[in-house]
């Protein structure tokens, strides 16, 4: 049942109206007007004491003008990982979701993202599930997807992962070789615009 619902979520994520494939974040970050009035930064949530493995965090990757790229990083998950489905929220009066791209964990593939309606502050992200035989056990820390945001005003907004590992209708889940959720801890963070 969990596998079926996880797969349905991922398929819905990839086929929702407004869903788009990966974007070239380097080109996206390099585009835009000359200077930005808002300088972006990111404050990650600290990993809880005693959590040494099986967790997912957000890390600042790149900043250009008013845009910031965050890496979704998976750390020490011995169970083979085949994909990820994320539902996140943020304050759209502070930032705008600009797109997603594949990370370094898998062979090049596709990251799908949907924010419907655009600018709503609720985004669904899915990294295509790999075939079970190509699922990867994660040793150390590896980037599974990269997320890009534009800061539009000086302020801050917390990025919140929604419905974490709740079973049945997972909206945010690290997926195993069969498309089922892997039990991991999730650590969010705060986008800052100055």
C-alpha atoms as a PDB file:
ATOM      1  CA  UNK A   1       0.000   0.000   0.000  1.00  0.00           C
ATOM      2  CA  UNK A   2       2.790   2.446   0.939  1.00  0.00           C
ATOM      3  CA  UNK A   3       4.657   1.663  -2.270  1.00  0.00           C
ATOM      4  CA  UNK A   4       1.578   2.240  -4.392  1.00  0.00           C
ATOM      5  CA  UNK A   5       0.829   5.562  -2.702  1.00  0.00           C
ATOM      6  CA  UNK A   6       4.454   6.683  -2.926  1.00  0.00           C
ATOM      7  CA  UNK A   7       4.548   5.837  -6.626  1.00  0.00           C
ATOM      8  CA  UNK A   8       1.212   7.608  -7.185  1.00  0.00           C
ATOM      9  CA  UNK A   9       2.593  10.692  -5.417  1.00  0.00           C
ATOM     10  CA  UNK A  10       5.687  10.706  -7.582  1.00  0.00           C
ATOM     11  CA  UNK A  11       3.657  10.222 -10.773  1.00  0.00           C
ATOM     12  CA  UNK A  12       1.268  13.002  -9.722  1.00  0.00           C
ATOM     13  CA  UNK A  13       4.217  15.234  -8.956  1.00  0.00           C
ATOM     14  CA  UNK A  14       5.608  14.651 -12.419  1.00  0.00           C
ATOM     15  CA  UNK A  15       2.298  15.118 -14.266  1.00  0.00           C
ATOM     16  CA  UNK A  16       0.626  17.975 -12.370  1.00  0.00           C
ATOM     17  CA  UNK A  17      -0.324  21.078 -14.307  1.00  0.00           C
ATOM     18  CA  UNK A  18       2.535  23.515 -14.099  1.00  0.00           C
ATOM     19  CA  UNK A  19       4.998  20.687 -13.542  1.00  0.00           C
ATOM     20  CA  UNK A  20       8.320  21.341 -15.134  1.00  0.00           C
ATOM     21  CA  UNK A  21      11.473  19.370 -15.633  1.00  0.00           C
ATOM     22  CA  UNK A  22      14.868  20.253 -14.344  1.00  0.00           C
ATOM     23  CA  UNK A  23      16.322  23.612 -15.166  1.00  0.00           C
ATOM     24  CA  UNK A  24      19.924  24.554 -15.729  1.00  0.00           C
ATOM     25  CA  UNK A  25      20.457  26.285 -12.406  1.00  0.00           C
ATOM     26  CA  UNK A  26      23.855  27.659 -13.401  1.00  0.00           C
ATOM     27  CA  UNK A  27      22.313  29.483 -16.365  1.00  0.00           C
ATOM     28  CA  UNK A  28      19.293  30.492 -14.325  1.00  0.00           C
ATOM     29  CA  UNK A  29      21.443  31.893 -11.549  1.00  0.00           C
ATOM     30  CA  UNK A  30      23.619  33.725 -14.038  1.00  0.00           C
ATOM     31  CA  UNK A  31      20.656  35.429 -15.697  1.00  0.00           C
ATOM     32  CA  UNK A  32      18.625  38.367 -14.553  1.00  0.00           C
ATOM     33  CA  UNK A  33      19.177  42.038 -14.072  1.00  0.00           C
ATOM     34  CA  UNK A  34      22.532  43.477 -13.129  1.00  0.00           C
ATOM     35  CA  UNK A  35      22.248  43.865  -9.362  1.00  0.00           C
ATOM     36  CA  UNK A  36      19.696  42.738  -6.862  1.00  0.00           C
ATOM     37  CA  UNK A  37      18.328  44.762  -3.997  1.00  0.00           C
ATOM     38  CA  UNK A  38      18.085  41.606  -1.854  1.00  0.00           C
ATOM     39  CA  UNK A  39      21.118  39.530  -0.873  1.00  0.00           C
ATOM     40  CA  UNK A  40      20.137  35.922  -0.093  1.00  0.00           C
ATOM     41  CA  UNK A  41      21.543  33.645   2.572  1.00  0.00           C
ATOM     42  CA  UNK A  42      20.503  30.392   4.212  1.00  0.00           C
ATOM     43  CA  UNK A  43      20.601  29.228   7.822  1.00  0.00           C
ATOM     44  CA  UNK A  44      20.318  25.415   8.029  1.00  0.00           C
ATOM     45  CA  UNK A  45      18.568  23.740  10.923  1.00  0.00           C
ATOM     46  CA  UNK A  46      21.153  22.026  13.143  1.00  0.00           C
ATOM     47  CA  UNK A  47      21.228  18.255  13.015  1.00  0.00           C
ATOM     48  CA  UNK A  48      19.886  17.004  16.344  1.00  0.00           C
ATOM     49  CA  UNK A  49      22.397  15.593  18.833  1.00  0.00           C
ATOM     50  CA  UNK A  50      22.610  11.831  18.509  1.00  0.00           C
ATOM     51  CA  UNK A  51      21.556  11.802  14.837  1.00  0.00           C
ATOM     52  CA  UNK A  52      24.610  10.464  13.030  1.00  0.00           C
ATOM     53  CA  UNK A  53      23.078   8.776  10.000  1.00  0.00           C
ATOM     54  CA  UNK A  54      19.827   8.358   8.070  1.00  0.00           C
ATOM     55  CA  UNK A  55      19.045  12.046   7.640  1.00  0.00           C
ATOM     56  CA  UNK A  56      18.308  14.639   4.957  1.00  0.00           C
ATOM     57  CA  UNK A  57      19.381  18.278   5.247  1.00  0.00           C
ATOM     58  CA  UNK A  58      19.367  21.472   3.225  1.00  0.00           C
ATOM     59  CA  UNK A  59      22.719  23.161   2.544  1.00  0.00           C
ATOM     60  CA  UNK A  60      23.612  26.409   0.808  1.00  0.00           C
ATOM     61  CA  UNK A  61      25.259  25.652  -2.521  1.00  0.00           C
ATOM     62  CA  UNK A  62      25.517  28.852  -4.574  1.00  0.00           C
ATOM     63  CA  UNK A  63      24.455  32.499  -4.408  1.00  0.00           C
ATOM     64  CA  UNK A  64      24.299  34.887  -7.342  1.00  0.00           C
ATOM     65  CA  UNK A  65      22.553  38.231  -7.247  1.00  0.00           C
ATOM     66  CA  UNK A  66      19.210  37.661  -5.514  1.00  0.00           C
ATOM     67  CA  UNK A  67      19.158  33.884  -6.184  1.00  0.00           C
ATOM     68  CA  UNK A  68      20.273  31.017  -3.986  1.00  0.00           C
ATOM     69  CA  UNK A  69      20.658  27.307  -4.666  1.00  0.00           C
ATOM     70  CA  UNK A  70      20.141  24.814  -1.859  1.00  0.00           C
ATOM     71  CA  UNK A  71      21.350  21.225  -2.000  1.00  0.00           C
ATOM     72  CA  UNK A  72      19.085  18.511  -0.608  1.00  0.00           C
ATOM     73  CA  UNK A  73      21.736  16.303   1.018  1.00  0.00           C
ATOM     74  CA  UNK A  74      21.275  12.669   2.064  1.00  0.00           C
ATOM     75  CA  UNK A  75      23.707  11.385   4.727  1.00  0.00           C
ATOM     76  CA  UNK A  76      24.689   7.787   5.511  1.00  0.00           C
ATOM     77  CA  UNK A  77      21.642   5.819   4.404  1.00  0.00           C
ATOM     78  CA  UNK A  78      22.680   2.177   4.058  1.00  0.00           C
ATOM     79  CA  UNK A  79      19.368   1.131   2.520  1.00  0.00           C
ATOM     80  CA  UNK A  80      19.579   1.628  -1.262  1.00  0.00           C
ATOM     81  CA  UNK A  81      17.981   4.932  -2.349  1.00  0.00           C
ATOM     82  CA  UNK A  82      16.112   5.139  -5.656  1.00  0.00           C
ATOM     83  CA  UNK A  83      14.520   8.605  -5.533  1.00  0.00           C
ATOM     84  CA  UNK A  84      12.919  11.338  -3.465  1.00  0.00           C
ATOM     85  CA  UNK A  85       9.527  13.036  -3.277  1.00  0.00           C
ATOM     86  CA  UNK A  86       9.299  16.367  -1.454  1.00  0.00           C
ATOM     87  CA  UNK A  87       6.443  18.667  -0.556  1.00  0.00           C
ATOM     88  CA  UNK A  88       7.764  21.916   0.843  1.00  0.00           C
ATOM     89  CA  UNK A  89       6.309  25.249   1.807  1.00  0.00           C
ATOM     90  CA  UNK A  90       7.823  28.731   2.113  1.00  0.00           C
ATOM     91  CA  UNK A  91       6.535  32.307   2.335  1.00  0.00           C
ATOM     92  CA  UNK A  92       5.980  33.523  -1.251  1.00  0.00           C
ATOM     93  CA  UNK A  93       6.029  37.172  -0.134  1.00  0.00           C
ATOM     94  CA  UNK A  94       9.730  36.733   0.729  1.00  0.00           C
ATOM     95  CA  UNK A  95      10.962  34.304  -1.954  1.00  0.00           C
ATOM     96  CA  UNK A  96      10.002  32.581  -5.202  1.00  0.00           C
ATOM     97  CA  UNK A  97      10.804  28.990  -6.128  1.00  0.00           C
ATOM     98  CA  UNK A  98      12.851  29.094  -9.342  1.00  0.00           C
ATOM     99  CA  UNK A  99      13.409  25.404 -10.154  1.00  0.00           C
ATOM    100  CA  UNK A 100      15.181  22.163  -9.389  1.00  0.00           C
ATOM    101  CA  UNK A 101      18.012  20.167 -10.900  1.00  0.00           C
ATOM    102  CA  UNK A 102      19.442  16.707 -10.392  1.00  0.00           C
ATOM    103  CA  UNK A 103      22.205  16.341  -7.801  1.00  0.00           C
ATOM    104  CA  UNK A 104      25.267  14.106  -7.769  1.00  0.00           C
ATOM    105  CA  UNK A 105      23.837  10.961  -6.158  1.00  0.00           C
ATOM    106  CA  UNK A 106      22.518   9.345  -9.339  1.00  0.00           C
ATOM    107  CA  UNK A 107      23.479   9.247 -12.971  1.00  0.00           C
ATOM    108  CA  UNK A 108      22.028  12.314 -14.714  1.00  0.00           C
ATOM    109  CA  UNK A 109      18.248  12.142 -14.654  1.00  0.00           C
ATOM    110  CA  UNK A 110      15.338  14.456 -14.198  1.00  0.00           C
ATOM    111  CA  UNK A 111      14.118  16.499 -11.259  1.00  0.00           C
ATOM    112  CA  UNK A 112      10.475  17.518 -11.617  1.00  0.00           C
ATOM    113  CA  UNK A 113       8.880  20.448  -9.793  1.00  0.00           C
ATOM    114  CA  UNK A 114       5.366  21.815  -9.595  1.00  0.00           C
ATOM    115  CA  UNK A 115       4.102  24.892  -7.806  1.00  0.00           C
ATOM    116  CA  UNK A 116       0.433  25.276  -8.553  1.00  0.00           C
ATOM    117  CA  UNK A 117      -0.547  27.986  -8.729  1.00  0.00           C
ATOM    118  CA  UNK A 118       2.837  29.540  -9.394  1.00  0.00           C
ATOM    119  CA  UNK A 119       3.988  31.647  -6.465  1.00  0.00           C
ATOM    120  CA  UNK A 120       1.697  29.850  -3.980  1.00  0.00           C
ATOM    121  CA  UNK A 121       4.544  28.849  -1.656  1.00  0.00           C
ATOM    122  CA  UNK A 122       3.743  25.122  -1.875  1.00  0.00           C
ATOM    123  CA  UNK A 123       6.046  23.081  -4.121  1.00  0.00           C
ATOM    124  CA  UNK A 124       6.070  19.402  -5.057  1.00  0.00           C
ATOM    125  CA  UNK A 125       9.446  18.022  -6.149  1.00  0.00           C
ATOM    126  CA  UNK A 126      10.220  14.555  -7.454  1.00  0.00           C
ATOM    127  CA  UNK A 127      13.482  12.969  -8.525  1.00  0.00           C
ATOM    128  CA  UNK A 128      12.703  10.182 -10.981  1.00  0.00           C
ATOM    129  CA  UNK A 129      12.811   6.763  -9.384  1.00  0.00           C
ATOM    130  CA  UNK A 130      15.732   4.713 -10.633  1.00  0.00           C
ATOM    131  CA  UNK A 131      15.411   1.018 -11.431  1.00  0.00           C
ATOM    132  CA  UNK A 132      15.741  -1.163  -8.292  1.00  0.00           C
ATOM    133  CA  UNK A 133      19.060  -2.566  -9.485  1.00  0.00           C
ATOM    134  CA  UNK A 134      20.534   0.949  -9.743  1.00  0.00           C
ATOM    135  CA  UNK A 135      19.412   2.167  -6.296  1.00  0.00           C
ATOM    136  CA  UNK A 136      22.386   3.457  -4.298  1.00  0.00           C
ATOM    137  CA  UNK A 137      23.367   3.068  -0.648  1.00  0.00           C
ATOM    138  CA  UNK A 138      24.639   6.469   0.506  1.00  0.00           C
ATOM    139  CA  UNK A 139      27.992   6.533   2.289  1.00  0.00           C
ATOM    140  CA  UNK A 140      28.807   9.977   3.637  1.00  0.00           C
ATOM    141  CA  UNK A 141      26.809  12.942   2.318  1.00  0.00           C
ATOM    142  CA  UNK A 142      25.499  13.165  -1.254  1.00  0.00           C
ATOM    143  CA  UNK A 143      23.302  15.728  -3.021  1.00  0.00           C
ATOM    144  CA  UNK A 144      20.134  14.171  -4.415  1.00  0.00           C
ATOM    145  CA  UNK A 145      18.558  17.364  -5.883  1.00  0.00           C
ATOM    146  CA  UNK A 146      19.298  21.095  -5.997  1.00  0.00           C
ATOM    147  CA  UNK A 147      16.601  23.733  -5.391  1.00  0.00           C
ATOM    148  CA  UNK A 148      16.794  27.354  -6.515  1.00  0.00           C
ATOM    149  CA  UNK A 149      14.971  30.322  -4.965  1.00  0.00           C
ATOM    150  CA  UNK A 150      14.863  34.052  -5.732  1.00  0.00           C
ATOM    151  CA  UNK A 151      14.641  36.374  -2.727  1.00  0.00           C
ATOM    152  CA  UNK A 152      12.269  39.215  -3.495  1.00  0.00           C
ATOM    153  CA  UNK A 153      12.360  41.264  -0.283  1.00  0.00           C
ATOM    154  CA  UNK A 154      14.491  41.655   2.824  1.00  0.00           C
ATOM    155  CA  UNK A 155      12.999  39.233   5.335  1.00  0.00           C
ATOM    156  CA  UNK A 156      13.169  35.555   6.170  1.00  0.00           C
ATOM    157  CA  UNK A 157      11.122  32.433   5.491  1.00  0.00           C
ATOM    158  CA  UNK A 158      11.464  28.923   6.832  1.00  0.00           C
ATOM    159  CA  UNK A 159      11.468  26.130   4.286  1.00  0.00           C
ATOM    160  CA  UNK A 160       9.248  23.418   5.746  1.00  0.00           C
ATOM    161  CA  UNK A 161       9.142  19.789   4.599  1.00  0.00           C
ATOM    162  CA  UNK A 162       5.502  18.721   4.749  1.00  0.00           C
ATOM    163  CA  UNK A 163       4.066  15.314   5.775  1.00  0.00           C
ATOM    164  CA  UNK A 164       7.338  13.649   6.647  1.00  0.00           C
ATOM    165  CA  UNK A 165       7.323   9.840   6.662  1.00  0.00           C
ATOM    166  CA  UNK A 166       3.706   9.579   7.760  1.00  0.00           C
ATOM    167  CA  UNK A 167       3.024   6.315   5.914  1.00  0.00           C
ATOM    168  CA  UNK A 168       0.233   5.787   3.446  1.00  0.00           C
ATOM    169  CA  UNK A 169       0.194   9.230   1.836  1.00  0.00           C
ATOM    170  CA  UNK A 170       3.772  10.389   2.095  1.00  0.00           C
ATOM    171  CA  UNK A 171       4.332  13.766   0.501  1.00  0.00           C
ATOM    172  CA  UNK A 172       7.959  13.964   1.589  1.00  0.00           C
ATOM    173  CA  UNK A 173       9.922  10.733   1.465  1.00  0.00           C
ATOM    174  CA  UNK A 174      13.297   9.317   0.610  1.00  0.00           C
ATOM    175  CA  UNK A 175      12.455   6.235  -1.476  1.00  0.00           C
ATOM    176  CA  UNK A 176      13.980   2.761  -1.374  1.00  0.00           C
ATOM    177  CA  UNK A 177      14.520   0.387  -4.305  1.00  0.00           C
ATOM    178  CA  UNK A 178      10.814  -0.568  -4.258  1.00  0.00           C
ATOM    179  CA  UNK A 179       9.553   3.022  -4.062  1.00  0.00           C
ATOM    180  CA  UNK A 180       8.710   2.742  -0.350  1.00  0.00           C
ATOM    181  CA  UNK A 181       9.656   5.439   2.179  1.00  0.00           C
ATOM    182  CA  UNK A 182      12.937   5.044   4.078  1.00  0.00           C
ATOM    183  CA  UNK A 183      12.798   6.202   7.688  1.00  0.00           C
ATOM    184  CA  UNK A 184      15.096   9.233   7.932  1.00  0.00           C
ATOM    185  CA  UNK A 185      15.235  12.469   9.927  1.00  0.00           C
ATOM    186  CA  UNK A 186      14.561  15.685   7.990  1.00  0.00           C
ATOM    187  CA  UNK A 187      16.258  19.008   8.788  1.00  0.00           C
ATOM    188  CA  UNK A 188      14.959  22.217   7.240  1.00  0.00           C
ATOM    189  CA  UNK A 189      16.276  25.753   7.319  1.00  0.00           C
ATOM    190  CA  UNK A 190      15.570  29.443   6.841  1.00  0.00           C
ATOM    191  CA  UNK A 191      16.045  31.576   3.738  1.00  0.00           C
ATOM    192  CA  UNK A 192      17.255  35.066   4.620  1.00  0.00           C
ATOM    193  CA  UNK A 193      17.078  38.178   2.501  1.00  0.00           C
ATOM    194  CA  UNK A 194      19.022  41.283   3.517  1.00  0.00           C
END
